Structures are given as structure tokens and as C-alpha cells.
Amino acid sequence: MEKKNLSQIKQFVAQQVGRSVRVESNKRHNKSVVSEGVIANAYPSIFTIELSEEKHTHNRTVSYSYTDILTNSVELTLYDQQL
């Protein structure tokens, strides 16, 4: 998907709720964190992903803003698409 504006990103993420996703978030000093999970909810300003962590017995929920995708701070990879 071509990232044109926030409304298109919001709409796309909202349509993917419930799908498995790979999340790569860029942290400071050119390091990135890669996680896997399911898009849990899409809200007006943020979306949440329930991460599946094998080493823990419970899942952890993290939130990201749609601006994170627009600015390339977060990259979502679906089964056959990349956002």
C-alpha cells in the first residue's frame, strides 16, 4: 500500500483488525524491535496490537499512532502486503 495520508492509513488498519501482523518498530540509535501479534483494535488516534510472546504466559498489548506508520517509525507486514 502506498502511504499517502493519515486517513488512508487509518482506514487500511481498521480493515485489518483481527489479522496477524509482524511489527517492526524503529527505536533510537538505528535499532529496531521486531514482534508478532494481532491487530486488536483501531481507534481514532491509535491502534493496538496484541503481541504474542512465547516466553510469557500472557499476551502484551501495545499501541501505536497512525503517524508512526506515516513517518516510517513502525512498519506492519501482513501475510501478503506491507504497510
N, C-alpha and C. Protein backbone atom coordinates (compact mmCIF):
# COMPACT_ATOMS: atom_id res chain seq x y z
N MET A 1 0.83 -1.18 0.00
CA MET A 1 0.00 0.00 0.00
C MET A 1 0.88 1.24 0.00
N GLU A 2 0.55 2.17 -0.83
CA GLU A 2 1.28 3.42 -0.87
C GLU A 2 0.75 4.32 0.24
N LYS A 3 1.66 4.84 1.04
CA LYS A 3 1.28 5.66 2.19
C LYS A 3 1.08 7.10 1.74
N LYS A 4 -0.17 7.49 1.51
CA LYS A 4 -0.43 8.84 1.03
C LYS A 4 -0.81 9.78 2.16
N ASN A 5 -1.76 9.40 2.98
CA ASN A 5 -2.18 10.29 4.05
C ASN A 5 -2.73 9.49 5.23
N LEU A 6 -2.94 10.18 6.32
CA LEU A 6 -3.36 9.52 7.56
C LEU A 6 -4.72 8.85 7.42
N SER A 7 -5.66 9.48 6.73
CA SER A 7 -7.00 8.87 6.63
C SER A 7 -6.95 7.54 5.89
N GLN A 8 -6.12 7.42 4.88
CA GLN A 8 -5.98 6.16 4.16
C GLN A 8 -5.32 5.11 5.05
N ILE A 9 -4.34 5.51 5.84
CA ILE A 9 -3.68 4.58 6.75
C ILE A 9 -4.66 4.10 7.81
N LYS A 10 -5.44 5.02 8.39
CA LYS A 10 -6.45 4.65 9.40
C LYS A 10 -7.44 3.66 8.84
N GLN A 11 -7.94 3.93 7.65
CA GLN A 11 -8.92 3.06 7.01
C GLN A 11 -8.33 1.67 6.76
N PHE A 12 -7.10 1.62 6.27
CA PHE A 12 -6.46 0.35 5.98
C PHE A 12 -6.28 -0.47 7.25
N VAL A 13 -5.75 0.16 8.31
CA VAL A 13 -5.52 -0.55 9.57
C VAL A 13 -6.84 -1.04 10.14
N ALA A 14 -7.89 -0.24 10.08
CA ALA A 14 -9.20 -0.64 10.60
C ALA A 14 -9.73 -1.88 9.87
N GLN A 15 -9.45 -1.99 8.60
CA GLN A 15 -9.88 -3.15 7.82
C GLN A 15 -9.09 -4.40 8.16
N GLN A 16 -7.93 -4.25 8.81
CA GLN A 16 -7.07 -5.39 9.11
C GLN A 16 -7.23 -5.90 10.55
N VAL A 17 -8.16 -5.34 11.32
CA VAL A 17 -8.36 -5.78 12.70
C VAL A 17 -8.63 -7.28 12.72
N GLY A 18 -7.91 -7.99 13.59
CA GLY A 18 -8.04 -9.43 13.70
C GLY A 18 -7.01 -10.21 12.89
N ARG A 19 -6.26 -9.54 12.07
CA ARG A 19 -5.25 -10.22 11.24
C ARG A 19 -3.91 -10.27 11.95
N SER A 20 -3.19 -11.34 11.68
CA SER A 20 -1.83 -11.48 12.21
C SER A 20 -0.91 -10.53 11.47
N VAL A 21 0.05 -10.01 12.21
CA VAL A 21 0.92 -9.00 11.64
C VAL A 21 2.31 -9.10 12.28
N ARG A 22 3.30 -8.71 11.52
CA ARG A 22 4.67 -8.58 12.02
C ARG A 22 4.91 -7.09 12.16
N VAL A 23 5.41 -6.68 13.32
CA VAL A 23 5.62 -5.27 13.61
C VAL A 23 7.10 -5.01 13.76
N GLU A 24 7.61 -4.07 13.02
CA GLU A 24 8.99 -3.64 13.18
C GLU A 24 8.96 -2.17 13.58
N SER A 25 9.37 -1.91 14.80
CA SER A 25 9.38 -0.52 15.28
C SER A 25 10.82 -0.06 15.43
N ASN A 26 11.08 1.10 14.90
CA ASN A 26 12.43 1.67 14.94
C ASN A 26 12.61 2.42 16.24
N LYS A 27 13.61 2.02 16.97
CA LYS A 27 13.95 2.68 18.23
C LYS A 27 15.12 3.62 17.98
N ARG A 28 15.63 4.18 19.03
CA ARG A 28 16.77 5.09 18.91
C ARG A 28 18.03 4.35 18.49
N HIS A 29 18.97 5.12 17.97
CA HIS A 29 20.30 4.62 17.60
C HIS A 29 20.24 3.54 16.53
N ASN A 30 19.34 3.69 15.59
CA ASN A 30 19.22 2.79 14.44
C ASN A 30 18.98 1.33 14.80
N LYS A 31 18.33 1.09 15.91
CA LYS A 31 17.97 -0.27 16.30
C LYS A 31 16.48 -0.44 16.11
N SER A 32 16.07 -1.63 15.76
CA SER A 32 14.65 -1.88 15.60
C SER A 32 14.25 -3.11 16.41
N VAL A 33 12.97 -3.13 16.77
CA VAL A 33 12.41 -4.24 17.53
C VAL A 33 11.37 -4.90 16.64
N VAL A 34 11.47 -6.21 16.49
CA VAL A 34 10.53 -6.96 15.67
C VAL A 34 9.68 -7.84 16.57
N SER A 35 8.37 -7.76 16.39
CA SER A 35 7.42 -8.55 17.17
C SER A 35 6.35 -9.09 16.24
N GLU A 36 5.60 -10.07 16.75
CA GLU A 36 4.47 -10.60 16.01
C GLU A 36 3.24 -10.55 16.89
N GLY A 37 2.10 -10.35 16.26
CA GLY A 37 0.86 -10.30 17.02
C GLY A 37 -0.34 -10.15 16.12
N VAL A 38 -1.42 -9.66 16.71
CA VAL A 38 -2.69 -9.50 16.01
C VAL A 38 -3.16 -8.07 16.22
N ILE A 39 -3.62 -7.43 15.16
CA ILE A 39 -4.19 -6.10 15.31
C ILE A 39 -5.48 -6.25 16.09
N ALA A 40 -5.52 -5.68 17.29
CA ALA A 40 -6.65 -5.87 18.19
C ALA A 40 -7.76 -4.85 17.97
N ASN A 41 -7.41 -3.58 17.91
CA ASN A 41 -8.40 -2.52 17.76
C ASN A 41 -7.84 -1.37 16.97
N ALA A 42 -8.74 -0.61 16.36
CA ALA A 42 -8.37 0.62 15.67
C ALA A 42 -9.24 1.74 16.23
N TYR A 43 -8.60 2.72 16.82
CA TYR A 43 -9.28 3.86 17.42
C TYR A 43 -8.99 5.10 16.57
N PRO A 44 -9.64 6.23 16.86
CA PRO A 44 -9.42 7.43 16.03
C PRO A 44 -7.96 7.90 15.97
N SER A 45 -7.22 7.79 17.06
CA SER A 45 -5.85 8.32 17.06
C SER A 45 -4.77 7.25 17.13
N ILE A 46 -5.13 6.06 17.58
CA ILE A 46 -4.15 4.98 17.75
C ILE A 46 -4.76 3.65 17.32
N PHE A 47 -3.90 2.65 17.19
CA PHE A 47 -4.35 1.27 17.01
C PHE A 47 -3.54 0.41 17.97
N THR A 48 -4.12 -0.72 18.36
CA THR A 48 -3.45 -1.60 19.31
C THR A 48 -3.14 -2.94 18.66
N ILE A 49 -2.04 -3.52 19.11
CA ILE A 49 -1.62 -4.84 18.64
C ILE A 49 -1.37 -5.71 19.86
N GLU A 50 -1.98 -6.87 19.87
CA GLU A 50 -1.75 -7.83 20.95
C GLU A 50 -0.59 -8.72 20.52
N LEU A 51 0.53 -8.54 21.20
CA LEU A 51 1.74 -9.28 20.85
C LEU A 51 1.69 -10.67 21.46
N SER A 52 2.13 -11.64 20.71
CA SER A 52 2.21 -13.00 21.23
C SER A 52 3.67 -13.27 21.57
N GLU A 53 3.93 -13.47 22.83
CA GLU A 53 5.30 -13.71 23.29
C GLU A 53 5.37 -15.11 23.87
N GLU A 54 6.22 -15.93 23.28
CA GLU A 54 6.33 -17.33 23.68
C GLU A 54 6.89 -17.50 25.08
N LYS A 55 7.76 -16.59 25.50
CA LYS A 55 8.39 -16.76 26.80
C LYS A 55 7.50 -16.34 27.96
N HIS A 56 6.37 -15.73 27.67
CA HIS A 56 5.45 -15.31 28.72
C HIS A 56 4.13 -16.06 28.55
N THR A 57 3.42 -16.24 29.63
CA THR A 57 2.15 -16.95 29.56
C THR A 57 1.00 -16.03 29.18
N HIS A 58 1.24 -14.74 29.21
CA HIS A 58 0.19 -13.79 28.85
C HIS A 58 0.65 -12.94 27.66
N ASN A 59 -0.33 -12.42 26.95
CA ASN A 59 -0.02 -11.55 25.82
C ASN A 59 0.08 -10.11 26.29
N ARG A 60 0.84 -9.33 25.59
CA ARG A 60 1.03 -7.93 25.91
C ARG A 60 0.42 -7.10 24.80
N THR A 61 -0.27 -6.03 25.16
CA THR A 61 -0.87 -5.14 24.19
C THR A 61 -0.07 -3.86 24.11
N VAL A 62 0.26 -3.46 22.89
CA VAL A 62 0.98 -2.21 22.67
C VAL A 62 0.16 -1.34 21.73
N SER A 63 0.37 -0.05 21.82
CA SER A 63 -0.37 0.87 20.94
C SER A 63 0.61 1.70 20.11
N TYR A 64 0.16 2.06 18.93
CA TYR A 64 0.92 2.90 18.02
C TYR A 64 -0.01 3.94 17.44
N SER A 65 0.54 5.05 17.02
CA SER A 65 -0.26 6.05 16.33
C SER A 65 -0.14 5.81 14.83
N TYR A 66 -1.11 6.30 14.10
CA TYR A 66 -1.07 6.16 12.64
C TYR A 66 0.08 6.98 12.06
N THR A 67 0.46 8.03 12.76
CA THR A 67 1.60 8.84 12.33
C THR A 67 2.89 8.04 12.36
N ASP A 68 2.97 7.06 13.26
CA ASP A 68 4.15 6.19 13.30
C ASP A 68 4.35 5.47 11.97
N ILE A 69 3.26 5.07 11.35
CA ILE A 69 3.36 4.40 10.05
C ILE A 69 3.74 5.40 8.97
N LEU A 70 3.11 6.57 9.01
CA LEU A 70 3.37 7.61 8.02
C LEU A 70 4.83 8.05 8.03
N THR A 71 5.42 8.12 9.21
CA THR A 71 6.81 8.58 9.34
C THR A 71 7.83 7.44 9.32
N ASN A 72 7.35 6.23 9.06
CA ASN A 72 8.21 5.04 8.97
C ASN A 72 8.84 4.65 10.31
N SER A 73 8.26 5.07 11.41
CA SER A 73 8.74 4.63 12.73
C SER A 73 8.26 3.21 13.02
N VAL A 74 7.16 2.82 12.38
CA VAL A 74 6.60 1.49 12.54
C VAL A 74 6.26 0.95 11.16
N GLU A 75 6.60 -0.32 10.94
CA GLU A 75 6.27 -0.98 9.69
C GLU A 75 5.46 -2.23 10.01
N LEU A 76 4.30 -2.34 9.38
CA LEU A 76 3.46 -3.52 9.57
C LEU A 76 3.59 -4.40 8.34
N THR A 77 3.77 -5.68 8.56
CA THR A 77 3.82 -6.64 7.46
C THR A 77 2.71 -7.65 7.67
N LEU A 78 1.77 -7.69 6.73
CA LEU A 78 0.69 -8.66 6.76
C LEU A 78 1.14 -9.88 5.97
N TYR A 79 0.24 -10.84 5.78
CA TYR A 79 0.59 -12.05 5.04
C TYR A 79 1.14 -11.75 3.65
N ASP A 80 0.49 -10.87 2.90
CA ASP A 80 0.92 -10.64 1.54
C ASP A 80 1.05 -9.16 1.21
N GLN A 81 0.96 -8.30 2.23
CA GLN A 81 1.06 -6.86 1.99
C GLN A 81 1.99 -6.24 3.00
N GLN A 82 2.53 -5.09 2.63
CA GLN A 82 3.38 -4.36 3.54
C GLN A 82 2.87 -2.94 3.63
N LEU A 83 2.83 -2.42 4.84
CA LEU A 83 2.35 -1.06 5.04
C LEU A 83 3.46 -0.23 5.63
